[in-house]
Protein backbone atom coordinates (compact mmCIF):
# COMPACT_ATOMS: atom_id res chain seq x y z
CA MET A 1 -19.09 47.27 -27.29
CA THR A 2 -18.00 47.33 -23.58
CA ASN A 3 -20.34 46.56 -20.54
CA LYS A 4 -20.09 50.44 -19.70
CA GLU A 5 -21.28 51.58 -23.07
CA ILE A 6 -24.28 48.83 -23.02
CA LEU A 7 -25.30 50.39 -19.64
CA LYS A 8 -25.00 53.88 -20.91
CA LYS A 9 -27.31 52.98 -24.03
CA GLN A 10 -29.89 51.39 -21.85
CA ILE A 11 -29.70 54.19 -19.18
CA ILE A 12 -30.25 56.95 -22.26
CA TYR A 13 -33.17 54.87 -23.51
CA ARG A 14 -34.79 54.31 -19.80
CA SER A 15 -34.51 57.99 -19.22
CA ASN A 16 -36.07 59.28 -22.26
CA HIS A 17 -38.94 56.59 -22.56
CA ARG A 18 -40.62 56.74 -19.10
CA GLY A 19 -44.18 56.92 -20.20
CA VAL A 20 -44.83 60.24 -18.42
CA LYS A 21 -43.72 63.15 -20.50
CA GLU A 22 -42.65 65.06 -17.44
CA MET A 23 -40.38 62.31 -16.23
CA ASP A 24 -39.08 62.04 -19.76
CA LEU A 25 -37.68 65.61 -19.67
CA LEU A 26 -36.29 65.55 -16.45
CA LEU A 27 -34.60 62.26 -16.31
CA GLY A 28 -33.45 62.67 -19.97
CA SER A 29 -32.20 65.94 -19.79
CA PHE A 30 -30.31 64.92 -16.15
CA VAL A 31 -28.79 61.67 -18.20
CA LYS A 32 -27.60 63.84 -21.16
CA LYS A 33 -25.72 66.52 -19.09
CA TYR A 34 -24.21 63.83 -16.62
CA ILE A 35 -23.85 60.22 -18.35
CA ASN A 36 -20.39 60.84 -19.58
CA ASN A 37 -18.98 61.76 -16.36
CA LEU A 38 -20.23 59.32 -14.18
CA GLN A 39 -18.09 56.09 -13.11
CA ASN A 40 -19.58 52.43 -13.23
CA ASP A 41 -20.63 52.51 -9.75
CA ASP A 42 -22.81 55.80 -10.24
CA LEU A 43 -23.95 54.20 -13.71
CA GLN A 44 -25.31 51.56 -11.60
CA ASP A 45 -26.78 53.87 -9.10
CA LEU A 46 -28.64 55.70 -11.94
CA MET A 47 -29.93 52.57 -13.43
CA ASN A 48 -31.06 51.22 -9.99
CA ILE A 49 -33.20 54.66 -9.87
CA LEU A 50 -34.42 54.54 -13.41
CA LEU A 51 -36.01 51.09 -12.51
CA ILE A 52 -38.28 52.92 -9.75
CA GLU A 53 -41.70 54.15 -10.78
CA ASP A 54 -42.41 57.16 -12.06
CA GLU A 55 -44.84 58.42 -9.23
CA ILE A 56 -42.28 57.59 -6.57
CA ILE A 57 -39.32 59.64 -8.15
CA GLN A 58 -41.62 62.31 -8.86
CA LYS A 59 -42.84 62.63 -5.06
CA TRP A 60 -39.20 62.15 -3.81
CA TYR A 61 -38.00 65.01 -6.41
CA PHE A 62 -41.05 67.44 -6.51
CA GLU A 63 -42.50 66.99 -3.37
CA LYS A 64 -39.38 66.31 -1.19
CA VAL A 65 -41.05 63.01 0.50
CA SER A 66 -38.37 61.53 2.67
CA ASP A 67 -39.90 57.74 3.22
CA ASN A 68 -38.90 56.38 -0.32
CA PRO A 69 -36.89 53.58 -1.88
CA ILE A 70 -34.17 56.09 -3.59
CA PHE A 71 -30.97 55.56 -1.36
CA ASN A 72 -28.42 58.63 -0.64
CA THR A 73 -25.90 58.27 -3.41
CA ASN A 74 -23.88 60.58 -5.36
CA VAL A 75 -26.47 60.32 -8.40
CA SER A 76 -29.48 60.75 -6.35
CA THR A 77 -27.82 64.01 -4.80
CA LEU A 78 -27.06 65.09 -8.14
CA LEU A 79 -30.58 64.49 -9.54
CA LYS A 80 -32.27 66.04 -6.50
CA ASN A 81 -30.04 69.31 -7.10
CA PHE A 82 -30.79 69.08 -10.98
CA LYS A 83 -32.84 71.98 -12.50
CA VAL A 84 -34.15 71.40 -16.12
């Protein structure tokens, strides 16, 4: 198994087992749709987002809070525009 495949498996697991059902639905659906289209750098950016607490991601996504630790990347832009 390659490093990329391992990272994908970690991302899939982490996106579906958040602890908050709404975040499982949002992030799990996003990952399912885009994971096979992402390059290595994008996968790492996605993993970095998944390491952020649910409350922070939720405020950033739903409330459009601008002062957060989520950097503006291709993946964060895709996620921000993603609709379940």
